[in-house]
C-alpha atoms as a PDB file:
ATOM      1  CA  MET A   1       0.002   0.003  -0.002  1.00  0.00           C
ATOM      2  CA  ARG A   2       1.393   3.379  -1.015  1.00  0.00           C
ATOM      3  CA  LEU A   3       2.048   5.761   1.888  1.00  0.00           C
ATOM      4  CA  THR A   4       0.381   8.949   0.716  1.00  0.00           C
ATOM      5  CA  PRO A   5       0.336  11.932   3.097  1.00  0.00           C
ATOM      6  CA  VAL A   6      -3.375  11.475   3.751  1.00  0.00           C
ATOM      7  CA  VAL A   7      -2.861   7.763   4.538  1.00  0.00           C
ATOM      8  CA  VAL A   8      -0.021   8.586   6.940  1.00  0.00           C
ATOM      9  CA  LEU A   9      -2.019  11.312   8.673  1.00  0.00           C
ATOM     10  CA  ALA A  10      -5.113   9.183   9.030  1.00  0.00           C
ATOM     11  CA  ALA A  11      -3.186   6.123  10.161  1.00  0.00           C
ATOM     12  CA  LEU A  12      -1.187   8.013  12.745  1.00  0.00           C
ATOM     13  CA  ALA A  13      -4.299   9.693  14.042  1.00  0.00           C
ATOM     14  CA  ALA A  14      -5.951   6.302  14.432  1.00  0.00           C
ATOM     15  CA  GLY A  15      -2.796   4.733  15.858  1.00  0.00           C
ATOM     16  CA  THR A  16      -2.511   2.102  13.084  1.00  0.00           C
ATOM     17  CA  LEU A  17      -0.153   2.248  10.110  1.00  0.00           C
ATOM     18  CA  PRO A  18      -0.784  -0.099   7.157  1.00  0.00           C
ATOM     19  CA  ALA A  19       0.868  -3.516   7.199  1.00  0.00           C
ATOM     20  CA  GLY A  20       4.441  -3.301   6.001  1.00  0.00           C
ATOM     21  CA  ALA A  21       4.617   0.420   6.685  1.00  0.00           C
ATOM     22  CA  GLN A  22       5.375   0.295  10.385  1.00  0.00           C
ATOM     23  CA  ASP A  23       9.131   0.151   9.765  1.00  0.00           C
ATOM     24  CA  VAL A  24       9.193   3.389   7.759  1.00  0.00           C
ATOM     25  CA  PRO A  25      11.937   5.615   9.288  1.00  0.00           C
ATOM     26  CA  HIS A  26      10.508   8.333  11.514  1.00  0.00           C
ATOM     27  CA  ARG A  27      12.317  10.988   9.481  1.00  0.00           C
ATOM     28  CA  HIS A  28      10.295  10.027   6.415  1.00  0.00           C
ATOM     29  CA  VAL A  29       7.050  10.158   8.381  1.00  0.00           C
ATOM     30  CA  VAL A  30       7.878  13.617   9.718  1.00  0.00           C
ATOM     31  CA  ARG A  31       8.809  14.861   6.217  1.00  0.00           C
ATOM     32  CA  VAL A  32       5.493  13.573   4.889  1.00  0.00           C
ATOM     33  CA  LEU A  33       3.616  15.304   7.688  1.00  0.00           C
ATOM     34  CA  ARG A  34       5.379  18.593   7.093  1.00  0.00           C
ATOM     35  CA  ALA A  35       4.902  18.387   3.339  1.00  0.00           C
ATOM     36  CA  GLU A  36       1.198  17.717   3.777  1.00  0.00           C
ATOM     37  CA  ARG A  37       0.842  20.599   6.178  1.00  0.00           C
ATOM     38  CA  MET A  38       2.720  22.982   3.900  1.00  0.00           C
ATOM     39  CA  GLY A  39       0.718  21.874   0.877  1.00  0.00           C
ATOM     40  CA  ALA A  40      -2.562  22.222   2.698  1.00  0.00           C
ATOM     41  CA  TYR A  41      -1.746  25.701   3.858  1.00  0.00           C
ATOM     42  CA  GLN A  42      -0.398  27.052   0.583  1.00  0.00           C
ATOM     43  CA  GLY A  43      -3.888  28.132  -0.450  1.00  0.00           C
ATOM     44  CA  ARG A  44      -4.370  29.971   2.791  1.00  0.00           C
ATOM     45  CA  ASP A  45      -1.859  32.608   1.748  1.00  0.00           C
ATOM     46  CA  ARG A  46      -4.058  33.702  -1.166  1.00  0.00           C
ATOM     47  CA  GLY A  47      -6.607  36.320  -0.269  1.00  0.00           C
ATOM     48  CA  PRO A  48      -7.901  37.577   3.066  1.00  0.00           C
ATOM     49  CA  GLU A  49      -8.573  35.187   5.910  1.00  0.00           C
ATOM     50  CA  GLN A  50     -12.180  34.069   6.243  1.00  0.00           C
ATOM     51  CA  THR A  51     -13.498  32.999   9.633  1.00  0.00           C
ATOM     52  CA  ASP A  52     -16.603  31.531  11.192  1.00  0.00           C
ATOM     53  CA  ARG A  53     -17.120  31.435  14.940  1.00  0.00           C
ATOM     54  CA  PHE A  54     -18.821  28.748  17.012  1.00  0.00           C
ATOM     55  CA  SER A  55     -19.923  29.023  20.650  1.00  0.00           C
ATOM     56  CA  ARG A  56     -21.765  26.614  22.915  1.00  0.00           C
ATOM     57  CA  LYS A  57     -22.122  25.832  26.615  1.00  0.00           C
ATOM     58  CA  VAL A  58     -23.047  22.407  27.975  1.00  0.00           C
ATOM     59  CA  LYS A  59     -23.696  21.411  31.581  1.00  0.00           C
ATOM     60  CA  LEU A  60     -21.402  18.586  32.641  1.00  0.00           C
ATOM     61  CA  GLY A  61     -20.876  18.402  36.378  1.00  0.00           C
ATOM     62  CA  ARG A  62     -17.647  18.795  38.281  1.00  0.00           C
ATOM     63  CA  ASP A  63     -16.336  15.242  37.825  1.00  0.00           C
ATOM     64  CA  GLY A  64     -17.395  14.487  34.248  1.00  0.00           C
ATOM     65  CA  ARG A  65     -15.323  13.591  31.211  1.00  0.00           C
ATOM     66  CA  VAL A  66     -14.540  15.762  28.172  1.00  0.00           C
ATOM     67  CA  SER A  67     -12.968  14.630  24.903  1.00  0.00           C
ATOM     68  CA  ILE A  68     -11.898  16.926  22.056  1.00  0.00           C
ATOM     69  CA  GLY A  69     -10.834  15.662  18.638  1.00  0.00           C
ATOM     70  CA  ASN A  70      -9.479  17.933  15.906  1.00  0.00           C
ATOM     71  CA  VAL A  71      -7.872  17.493  12.479  1.00  0.00           C
ATOM     72  CA  SER A  72      -6.194  20.845  11.841  1.00  0.00           C
ATOM     73  CA  GLY A  73      -5.835  23.622  14.418  1.00  0.00           C
ATOM     74  CA  ASP A  74      -4.794  24.294  17.987  1.00  0.00           C
ATOM     75  CA  ILE A  75      -6.673  23.175  21.089  1.00  0.00           C
ATOM     76  CA  THR A  76      -6.485  25.118  24.363  1.00  0.00           C
ATOM     77  CA  VAL A  77      -8.238  23.737  27.447  1.00  0.00           C
ATOM     78  CA  THR A  78      -8.480  25.574  30.787  1.00  0.00           C
ATOM     79  CA  GLY A  79      -9.949  24.425  34.066  1.00  0.00           C
ATOM     80  CA  GLY A  80     -12.539  26.794  35.547  1.00  0.00           C
ATOM     81  CA  SER A  81     -15.173  27.038  38.228  1.00  0.00           C
ATOM     82  CA  GLY A  82     -18.762  25.940  37.808  1.00  0.00           C
ATOM     83  CA  ASP A  83     -20.195  22.839  36.151  1.00  0.00           C
ATOM     84  CA  GLU A  84     -20.339  23.862  32.482  1.00  0.00           C
ATOM     85  CA  VAL A  85     -18.181  23.157  29.463  1.00  0.00           C
ATOM     86  CA  SER A  86     -17.717  26.341  27.440  1.00  0.00           C
ATOM     87  CA  ILE A  87     -16.706  25.685  23.814  1.00  0.00           C
ATOM     88  CA  GLU A  88     -15.414  28.512  21.639  1.00  0.00           C
ATOM     89  CA  ALA A  89     -14.112  27.669  18.185  1.00  0.00           C
ATOM     90  CA  VAL A  90     -12.924  29.602  15.143  1.00  0.00           C
ATOM     91  CA  LYS A  91     -12.916  28.041  11.684  1.00  0.00           C
ATOM     92  CA  ARG A  92     -10.320  29.664   9.398  1.00  0.00           C
ATOM     93  CA  THR A  93      -9.484  29.599   5.718  1.00  0.00           C
ATOM     94  CA  ARG A  94      -8.266  31.939   2.967  1.00  0.00           C
ATOM     95  CA  GLY A  95      -9.879  32.563  -0.367  1.00  0.00           C
ATOM     96  CA  ASP A  96     -13.103  30.607  -0.777  1.00  0.00           C
ATOM     97  CA  GLN A  97     -15.368  31.298   2.185  1.00  0.00           C
ATOM     98  CA  SER A  98     -17.776  28.529   1.141  1.00  0.00           C
ATOM     99  CA  GLN A  99     -15.250  25.986   2.423  1.00  0.00           C
ATOM    100  CA  LEU A 100     -16.126  26.981   5.992  1.00  0.00           C
ATOM    101  CA  ALA A 101     -19.564  25.422   5.610  1.00  0.00           C
ATOM    102  CA  ASN A 102     -17.987  22.084   4.722  1.00  0.00           C
ATOM    103  CA  VAL A 103     -16.549  21.734   8.218  1.00  0.00           C
ATOM    104  CA  ARG A 104     -18.866  21.053  11.146  1.00  0.00           C
ATOM    105  CA  ILE A 105     -18.223  21.201  14.871  1.00  0.00           C
ATOM    106  CA  VAL A 106     -20.114  18.368  16.540  1.00  0.00           C
ATOM    107  CA  VAL A 107     -20.908  18.361  20.261  1.00  0.00           C
ATOM    108  CA  ASP A 108     -22.322  15.174  21.773  1.00  0.00           C
ATOM    109  CA  ASP A 109     -23.414  15.430  25.391  1.00  0.00           C
ATOM    110  CA  ARG A 110     -24.863  12.878  27.733  1.00  0.00           C
ATOM    111  CA  PRO A 111     -24.868  12.562  31.528  1.00  0.00           C
ATOM    112  CA  GLY A 112     -21.310  12.896  32.803  1.00  0.00           C
ATOM    113  CA  ARG A 113     -19.666  13.234  29.375  1.00  0.00           C
ATOM    114  CA  VAL A 114     -19.152  15.770  26.565  1.00  0.00           C
ATOM    115  CA  ASP A 115     -17.482  14.849  23.257  1.00  0.00           C
ATOM    116  CA  VAL A 116     -16.383  17.573  20.822  1.00  0.00           C
ATOM    117  CA  ARG A 117     -14.992  16.940  17.325  1.00  0.00           C
ATOM    118  CA  THR A 118     -14.590  18.410  13.852  1.00  0.00           C
ATOM    119  CA  GLU A 119     -16.097  16.689  10.829  1.00  0.00           C
ATOM    120  CA  TYR A 120     -15.219  17.403   7.175  1.00  0.00           C
ATOM    121  CA  ASP A 121     -17.730  16.764   4.376  1.00  0.00           C
ATOM    122  CA  SER A 122     -15.088  14.821   2.458  1.00  0.00           C
ATOM    123  CA  GLY A 123     -14.359  12.771   5.568  1.00  0.00           C
ATOM    124  CA  ARG A 124     -10.805  14.083   5.733  1.00  0.00           C
ATOM    125  CA  PHE A 125      -8.622  17.180   5.578  1.00  0.00           C
ATOM    126  CA  THR A 126      -7.334  17.747   1.995  1.00  0.00           C
ATOM    127  CA  ARG A 127      -5.561  20.395  -0.034  1.00  0.00           C
ATOM    128  CA  ASN A 128      -8.939  21.346  -1.506  1.00  0.00           C
ATOM    129  CA  ASN A 129     -10.484  21.803   1.910  1.00  0.00           C
ATOM    130  CA  ASN A 130      -7.890  23.618   3.968  1.00  0.00           C
ATOM    131  CA  VAL A 131     -10.085  24.844   6.812  1.00  0.00           C
ATOM    132  CA  SER A 132      -8.486  24.762  10.237  1.00  0.00           C
ATOM    133  CA  VAL A 133     -10.361  24.998  13.536  1.00  0.00           C
ATOM    134  CA  ASP A 134      -8.898  26.496  16.704  1.00  0.00           C
ATOM    135  CA  PHE A 135     -10.625  25.461  19.936  1.00  0.00           C
ATOM    136  CA  THR A 136     -10.685  27.328  23.242  1.00  0.00           C
ATOM    137  CA  VAL A 137     -12.490  25.222  25.825  1.00  0.00           C
ATOM    138  CA  THR A 138     -13.145  25.820  29.526  1.00  0.00           C
ATOM    139  CA  VAL A 139     -14.088  22.785  31.618  1.00  0.00           C
ATOM    140  CA  PRO A 140     -14.928  22.279  35.305  1.00  0.00           C
ATOM    141  CA  ASN A 141     -11.516  21.995  36.920  1.00  0.00           C
ATOM    142  CA  GLY A 142     -12.311  18.554  38.367  1.00  0.00           C
ATOM    143  CA  ALA A 143     -13.196  17.064  34.981  1.00  0.00           C
ATOM    144  CA  SER A 144     -11.110  14.480  33.158  1.00  0.00           C
ATOM    145  CA  VAL A 145      -9.906  15.590  29.723  1.00  0.00           C
ATOM    146  CA  GLU A 146      -8.707  13.743  26.615  1.00  0.00           C
ATOM    147  CA  VAL A 147      -7.465  15.872  23.715  1.00  0.00           C
ATOM    148  CA  LYS A 148      -6.324  14.652  20.270  1.00  0.00           C
ATOM    149  CA  SER A 149      -5.274  16.593  17.163  1.00  0.00           C
ATOM    150  CA  VAL A 150      -3.625  15.635  13.876  1.00  0.00           C
ATOM    151  CA  SER A 151      -2.077  18.963  12.891  1.00  0.00           C
ATOM    152  CA  GLY A 152      -2.050  21.463  15.731  1.00  0.00           C
ATOM    153  CA  SER A 153      -0.745  22.124  19.220  1.00  0.00           C
ATOM    154  CA  VAL A 154      -2.439  21.021  22.437  1.00  0.00           C
ATOM    155  CA  LYS A 155      -2.337  23.061  25.662  1.00  0.00           C
ATOM    156  CA  VAL A 156      -4.042  22.151  28.952  1.00  0.00           C
ATOM    157  CA  THR A 157      -3.922  24.362  32.061  1.00  0.00           C
ATOM    158  CA  GLY A 158      -5.487  24.148  35.513  1.00  0.00           C
ATOM    159  CA  VAL A 159      -7.359  20.860  35.060  1.00  0.00           C
ATOM    160  CA  ARG A 160      -7.422  18.699  38.203  1.00  0.00           C
ATOM    161  CA  GLY A 161      -8.895  15.560  36.695  1.00  0.00           C
ATOM    162  CA  ALA A 162      -7.025  12.984  34.631  1.00  0.00           C
ATOM    163  CA  VAL A 163      -5.475  14.485  31.463  1.00  0.00           C
ATOM    164  CA  ARG A 164      -4.338  12.829  28.237  1.00  0.00           C
ATOM    165  CA  GLY A 165      -3.021  14.955  25.346  1.00  0.00           C
ATOM    166  CA  GLU A 166      -1.860  13.785  21.924  1.00  0.00           C
ATOM    167  CA  THR A 167      -1.027  15.328  18.542  1.00  0.00           C
ATOM    168  CA  VAL A 168       0.710  14.185  15.368  1.00  0.00           C
ATOM    169  CA  SER A 169       2.210  17.521  14.272  1.00  0.00           C
ATOM    170  CA  GLY A 170       2.448  20.110  17.047  1.00  0.00           C
ATOM    171  CA  ASP A 171       3.510  20.691  20.647  1.00  0.00           C
ATOM    172  CA  VAL A 172       1.825  19.320  23.768  1.00  0.00           C
ATOM    173  CA  THR A 173       1.987  21.581  26.837  1.00  0.00           C
ATOM    174  CA  THR A 174       0.416  21.117  30.265  1.00  0.00           C
ATOM    175  CA  SER A 175       0.732  23.217  33.420  1.00  0.00           C
ATOM    176  CA  ASP A 176      -0.897  23.056  36.846  1.00  0.00           C
ATOM    177  CA  THR A 177      -2.366  19.713  35.797  1.00  0.00           C
ATOM    178  CA  PRO A 178      -1.479  17.309  38.615  1.00  0.00           C
ATOM    179  CA  ARG A 179      -3.008  14.178  37.082  1.00  0.00           C
ATOM    180  CA  VAL A 180      -1.477  14.037  33.605  1.00  0.00           C
ATOM    181  CA  GLU A 181      -1.432  10.406  32.499  1.00  0.00           C
ATOM    182  CA  ALA A 182      -0.085  10.684  28.945  1.00  0.00           C
ATOM    183  CA  ALA A 183       1.329  13.395  26.668  1.00  0.00           C
ATOM    184  CA  LYS A 184       2.512  12.460  23.177  1.00  0.00           C
ATOM    185  CA  SER A 185       3.580  14.098  19.923  1.00  0.00           C
ATOM    186  CA  VAL A 186       5.003  12.705  16.702  1.00  0.00           C
ATOM    187  CA  SER A 187       6.549  15.971  15.464  1.00  0.00           C
ATOM    188  CA  GLY A 188       6.739  18.503  18.290  1.00  0.00           C
ATOM    189  CA  ASP A 189       7.906  19.150  21.841  1.00  0.00           C
ATOM    190  CA  VAL A 190       6.212  17.875  24.994  1.00  0.00           C
ATOM    191  CA  THR A 191       6.446  20.235  27.995  1.00  0.00           C
ATOM    192  CA  LEU A 192       4.879  19.400  31.367  1.00  0.00           C
ATOM    193  CA  SER A 193       4.826  21.088  34.773  1.00  0.00           C
ATOM    194  CA  GLY A 194       3.028  20.873  38.103  1.00  0.00           C
ATOM    195  CA  ILE A 195       2.258  17.152  38.205  1.00  0.00           C
ATOM    196  CA  GLN A 196       1.454  15.149  41.342  1.00  0.00           C
ATOM    197  CA  ASN A 197       0.266  11.777  40.167  1.00  0.00           C
ATOM    198  CA  ASP A 198       0.029   8.651  42.320  1.00  0.00           C
ATOM    199  CA  GLY A 199      -0.107   6.580  39.147  1.00  0.00           C
ATOM    200  CA  ASP A 200       2.001   6.415  35.990  1.00  0.00           C
ATOM    201  CA  LEU A 201       2.972   9.185  33.558  1.00  0.00           C
ATOM    202  CA  SER A 202       3.938   8.512  29.943  1.00  0.00           C
ATOM    203  CA  ALA A 203       5.461  11.319  27.825  1.00  0.00           C
ATOM    204  CA  SER A 204       7.040  10.908  24.392  1.00  0.00           C
ATOM    205  CA  SER A 205       7.876  12.520  21.071  1.00  0.00           C
ATOM    206  CA  VAL A 206       9.257  11.012  17.866  1.00  0.00           C
ATOM    207  CA  SER A 207      10.866  14.263  16.674  1.00  0.00           C
ATOM    208  CA  GLY A 208      11.026  16.704  19.585  1.00  0.00           C
ATOM    209  CA  ASN A 209      12.149  17.276  23.156  1.00  0.00           C
ATOM    210  CA  VAL A 210      10.365  16.000  26.243  1.00  0.00           C
ATOM    211  CA  ARG A 211      10.703  18.235  29.317  1.00  0.00           C
ATOM    212  CA  ALA A 212       8.968  18.058  32.696  1.00  0.00           C
ATOM    213  CA  ARG A 213       9.331  20.224  35.790  1.00  0.00           C
ATOM    214  CA  GLY A 214       7.822  19.837  39.232  1.00  0.00           C
ATOM    215  CA  VAL A 215       6.799  16.199  38.858  1.00  0.00           C
ATOM    216  CA  LYS A 216       5.824  13.686  41.510  1.00  0.00           C
ATOM    217  CA  ALA A 217       4.624  10.321  40.180  1.00  0.00           C
ATOM    218  CA  HIS A 218       4.815   6.641  40.916  1.00  0.00           C
ATOM    219  CA  ALA A 219       6.370   5.842  37.543  1.00  0.00           C
ATOM    220  CA  LEU A 220       7.700   7.847  34.596  1.00  0.00           C
ATOM    221  CA  ASP A 221       7.950   6.441  31.074  1.00  0.00           C
ATOM    222  CA  LEU A 222       9.819   8.869  28.790  1.00  0.00           C
ATOM    223  CA  GLY A 223      10.788   8.417  25.161  1.00  0.00           C
ATOM    224  CA  SER A 224      12.086  10.258  22.127  1.00  0.00           C
ATOM    225  CA  VAL A 225      13.600   9.143  18.830  1.00  0.00           C
ATOM    226  CA  SER A 226      15.182  12.502  17.988  1.00  0.00           C
ATOM    227  CA  GLY A 227      15.239  14.846  20.964  1.00  0.00           C
ATOM    228  CA  ASP A 228      16.370  15.389  24.544  1.00  0.00           C
ATOM    229  CA  LEU A 229      14.661  14.087  27.667  1.00  0.00           C
ATOM    230  CA  ALA A 230      14.867  16.287  30.771  1.00  0.00           C
ATOM    231  CA  VAL A 231      13.011  16.167  34.101  1.00  0.00           C
ATOM    232  CA  SER A 232      13.713  18.523  36.991  1.00  0.00           C
ATOM    233  CA  ASP A 233      12.389  18.876  40.522  1.00  0.00           C
ATOM    234  CA  VAL A 234      11.161  15.332  40.177  1.00  0.00           C
ATOM    235  CA  THR A 235      10.342  12.455  42.535  1.00  0.00           C
ATOM    236  CA  CYS A 236       9.368   9.007  41.310  1.00  0.00           C
ATOM    237  CA  ASP A 237       9.690   5.357  42.289  1.00  0.00           C
ATOM    238  CA  ARG A 238      10.205   4.008  38.792  1.00  0.00           C
ATOM    239  CA  LEU A 239      11.802   5.507  35.683  1.00  0.00           C
ATOM    240  CA  ASN A 240      12.163   4.174  32.159  1.00  0.00           C
ATOM    241  CA  ALA A 241      13.757   6.565  29.644  1.00  0.00           C
ATOM    242  CA  LYS A 242      14.831   5.849  26.057  1.00  0.00           C
ATOM    243  CA  SER A 243      16.146   8.042  23.248  1.00  0.00           C
ATOM    244  CA  VAL A 244      17.921   7.278  19.978  1.00  0.00           C
ATOM    245  CA  SER A 245      19.385  10.717  19.303  1.00  0.00           C
ATOM    246  CA  GLY A 246      19.317  12.963  22.361  1.00  0.00           C
ATOM    247  CA  GLY A 247      20.542  13.393  25.906  1.00  0.00           C
ATOM    248  CA  PHE A 248      18.896  12.728  29.257  1.00  0.00           C
ATOM    249  CA  GLU A 249      18.929  14.742  32.491  1.00  0.00           C
ATOM    250  CA  TYR A 250      17.243  13.908  35.798  1.00  0.00           C
ATOM    251  CA  SER A 251      17.311  16.455  38.606  1.00  0.00           C
ATOM    252  CA  GLY A 252      15.602  15.618  41.879  1.00  0.00           C
ATOM    253  CA  SER A 253      15.396  12.788  44.385  1.00  0.00           C
ATOM    254  CA  ILE A 254      15.323   9.041  44.046  1.00  0.00           C
ATOM    255  CA  ALA A 255      13.257   6.778  46.268  1.00  0.00           C
ATOM    256  CA  ARG A 256      14.572   4.110  48.606  1.00  0.00           C
ATOM    257  CA  GLY A 257      14.066   0.894  46.661  1.00  0.00           C
ATOM    258  CA  GLY A 258      13.368   2.815  43.444  1.00  0.00           C
ATOM    259  CA  VAL A 259      14.323   1.469  40.010  1.00  0.00           C
ATOM    260  CA  TYR A 260      15.697   3.837  37.341  1.00  0.00           C
ATOM    261  CA  ASP A 261      16.587   2.637  33.843  1.00  0.00           C
ATOM    262  CA  VAL A 262      18.014   4.888  31.106  1.00  0.00           C
ATOM    263  CA  ASN A 263      18.985   3.667  27.640  1.00  0.00           C
ATOM    264  CA  LEU A 264      20.358   6.087  25.003  1.00  0.00           C
ATOM    265  CA  HIS A 265      22.097   5.540  21.696  1.00  0.00           C
ATOM    266  CA  SER A 266      23.680   8.956  21.197  1.00  0.00           C
ATOM    267  CA  GLY A 267      23.673  11.330  24.134  1.00  0.00           C
ATOM    268  CA  THR A 268      24.934  12.102  27.631  1.00  0.00           C
ATOM    269  CA  VAL A 269      23.117  10.864  30.739  1.00  0.00           C
ATOM    270  CA  ARG A 270      23.185  13.152  33.754  1.00  0.00           C
ATOM    271  CA  PHE A 271      21.654  12.477  37.185  1.00  0.00           C
ATOM    272  CA  VAL A 272      21.667  15.443  39.595  1.00  0.00           C
ATOM    273  CA  LEU A 273      20.575  13.955  42.913  1.00  0.00           C
ATOM    274  CA  ALA A 274      19.356  15.654  46.092  1.00  0.00           C
ATOM    275  CA  ASN A 275      20.576  13.860  49.232  1.00  0.00           C
ATOM    276  CA  PRO A 276      20.215  10.271  48.025  1.00  0.00           C
ATOM    277  CA  THR A 277      20.344   7.607  50.739  1.00  0.00           C
ATOM    278  CA  GLY A 278      22.013   5.211  48.363  1.00  0.00           C
ATOM    279  CA  PHE A 279      21.936   3.303  45.100  1.00  0.00           C
ATOM    280  CA  GLU A 280      23.553   0.524  43.135  1.00  0.00           C
ATOM    281  CA  LEU A 281      24.872   1.767  39.798  1.00  0.00           C
ATOM    282  CA  THR A 282      25.392  -0.267  36.658  1.00  0.00           C
ATOM    283  CA  ALA A 283      26.760   2.009  33.936  1.00  0.00           C
ATOM    284  CA  ASN A 284      28.071   1.354  30.436  1.00  0.00           C
ATOM    285  CA  THR A 285      29.193   3.650  27.610  1.00  0.00           C
ATOM    286  CA  PHE A 286      30.995   2.678  24.414  1.00  0.00           C
ATOM    287  CA  SER A 287      32.586   6.045  23.574  1.00  0.00           C
ATOM    288  CA  GLY A 288      32.345   8.211  26.665  1.00  0.00           C
ATOM    289  CA  SER A 289      33.337   8.344  30.306  1.00  0.00           C
ATOM    290  CA  ILE A 290      31.682   7.724  33.666  1.00  0.00           C
ATOM    291  CA  ARG A 291      32.179  10.146  36.521  1.00  0.00           C
ATOM    292  CA  SER A 292      30.556  10.855  39.857  1.00  0.00           C
ATOM    293  CA  ASP A 293      30.602  13.662  42.423  1.00  0.00           C
ATOM    294  CA  LEU A 294      29.454  11.114  45.009  1.00  0.00           C
ATOM    295  CA  PRO A 295      31.973   8.669  46.527  1.00  0.00           C
ATOM    296  CA  LEU A 296      31.273   5.286  44.980  1.00  0.00           C
ATOM    297  CA  THR A 297      32.431   1.898  46.177  1.00  0.00           C
ATOM    298  CA  ILE A 298      33.813  -0.095  43.258  1.00  0.00           C
ATOM    299  CA  GLY A 299      35.017  -3.652  43.713  1.00  0.00           C
ATOM    300  CA  GLY A 300      35.041  -3.251  47.479  1.00  0.00           C
ATOM    301  CA  THR A 301      37.073  -0.023  47.530  1.00  0.00           C
ATOM    302  CA  SER A 302      36.148   3.611  47.321  1.00  0.00           C
ATOM    303  CA  GLY A 303      35.909   4.743  43.715  1.00  0.00           C
ATOM    304  CA  ALA A 304      36.126   8.468  44.370  1.00  0.00           C
ATOM    305  CA  GLY A 305      39.206   8.765  42.169  1.00  0.00           C
ATOM    306  CA  ARG A 306      38.946   5.763  39.926  1.00  0.00           C
ATOM    307  CA  GLN A 307      35.625   6.594  38.250  1.00  0.00           C
ATOM    308  CA  ARG A 308      37.128   9.746  36.804  1.00  0.00           C
ATOM    309  CA  GLY A 309      39.562   7.762  34.684  1.00  0.00           C
ATOM    310  CA  ALA A 310      39.485   8.527  30.952  1.00  0.00           C
ATOM    311  CA  ASN A 311      39.142   4.811  30.084  1.00  0.00           C
ATOM    312  CA  ASN A 312      36.377   4.182  32.562  1.00  0.00           C
ATOM    313  CA  ARG A 313      33.519   3.039  30.340  1.00  0.00           C
ATOM    314  CA  SER A 314      31.922   0.242  32.343  1.00  0.00           C
ATOM    315  CA  MET A 315      31.164   0.242  36.038  1.00  0.00           C
ATOM    316  CA  ARG A 316      29.313  -1.530  38.814  1.00  0.00           C
ATOM    317  CA  ALA A 317      29.348   0.511  41.999  1.00  0.00           C
ATOM    318  CA  THR A 318      27.466   1.324  45.194  1.00  0.00           C
ATOM    319  CA  PHE A 319      26.744   4.537  47.029  1.00  0.00           C
ATOM    320  CA  GLY A 320      25.373   4.720  50.584  1.00  0.00           C
ATOM    321  CA  ASP A 321      22.948   1.955  51.525  1.00  0.00           C
ATOM    322  CA  GLY A 322      22.562   0.824  47.896  1.00  0.00           C
ATOM    323  CA  SER A 323      18.774   0.709  48.224  1.00  0.00           C
ATOM    324  CA  ALA A 324      17.868   2.161  44.813  1.00  0.00           C
ATOM    325  CA  THR A 325      18.889   0.709  41.436  1.00  0.00           C
ATOM    326  CA  LEU A 326      20.336   2.849  38.625  1.00  0.00           C
ATOM    327  CA  THR A 327      20.963   1.136  35.284  1.00  0.00           C
ATOM    328  CA  VAL A 328      22.411   3.490  32.689  1.00  0.00           C
ATOM    329  CA  ARG A 329      23.515   2.726  29.131  1.00  0.00           C
ATOM    330  CA  THR A 330      24.623   5.023  26.325  1.00  0.00           C
ATOM    331  CA  PHE A 331      26.506   4.105  23.184  1.00  0.00           C
ATOM    332  CA  SER A 332      27.920   7.542  22.442  1.00  0.00           C
ATOM    333  CA  GLY A 333      27.998   9.890  25.420  1.00  0.00           C
ATOM    334  CA  ASP A 334      29.112  10.415  29.006  1.00  0.00           C
ATOM    335  CA  ILE A 335      27.439   9.224  32.201  1.00  0.00           C
ATOM    336  CA  VAL A 336      27.498  11.763  35.042  1.00  0.00           C
ATOM    337  CA  ILE A 337      26.282  11.402  38.628  1.00  0.00           C
ATOM    338  CA  ALA A 338      26.222  14.827  40.294  1.00  0.00           C
ATOM    339  CA  LYS A 339      25.128  16.128  43.691  1.00  0.00           C
ATOM    340  CA  ARG A 340      22.578  18.932  43.922  1.00  0.00           C
END
């Protein structure tokens, strides 16, 4: 099956690529996405912008669920007081204003749930129907929110319920959202802050950086193919981080008995730890060095000097009570254990 831009967009949005296409390099996928987006927007530069506004309010309740699905355009969600979902949307195009009527904003509401989505008459976003829709939605701050877009950024602020945000081409940003469960982008950055989650948090990007600040969670699952991974002011019991082309930095505390696993192909791994009680370290790098500001015990002796050796590329060592487990691997990059 030929991978046309529309097929790629639709398949990624649905989470299923055609058989035989799943091994396509991510760089090709990103190029296809960008080409489609550029082609679709070329017509928008001809003539004045045409817009059509949509507004609706729906009673939900403070602990309901809201889902928003979009094809092209940004989505901004804010937690507010009250028990209503306020939906403001702007359809945009350039040139032929009649195209605006070919895109509908559908709101389905039932007890405890509101679903919002865009529908195109052709069933898909094409170069001949280049209408985008920007959503600004206010929800009760205790509601749970799920947001998905194909081509556009996602931003969620001040929502106290569970949050899941996903886009194919665009950034995902959350702030003051303590219960983020998942944040994902194919081509864009993922930026998170203000998370206190007793469960698991998954954050990833194929082509972009993943950054989180002020995070407390049971488990963190971080991934990027081409981009850096960085978490600061963080506390978690479990960590799994993987990147093909990018570095990793962890700044915060580690839990007694916690398990932390980092696997990079090309990048430096840096742990900046605040008063750790202890850990067992297994570290390997093919073309880099391993060094620590903390006194490590290597082979039964203190490794305070030895781990700084230029040829030190593989190490098993212990600090303090050895209660946590750090397993760190990078093919091309340094491994650094620093003290905050």
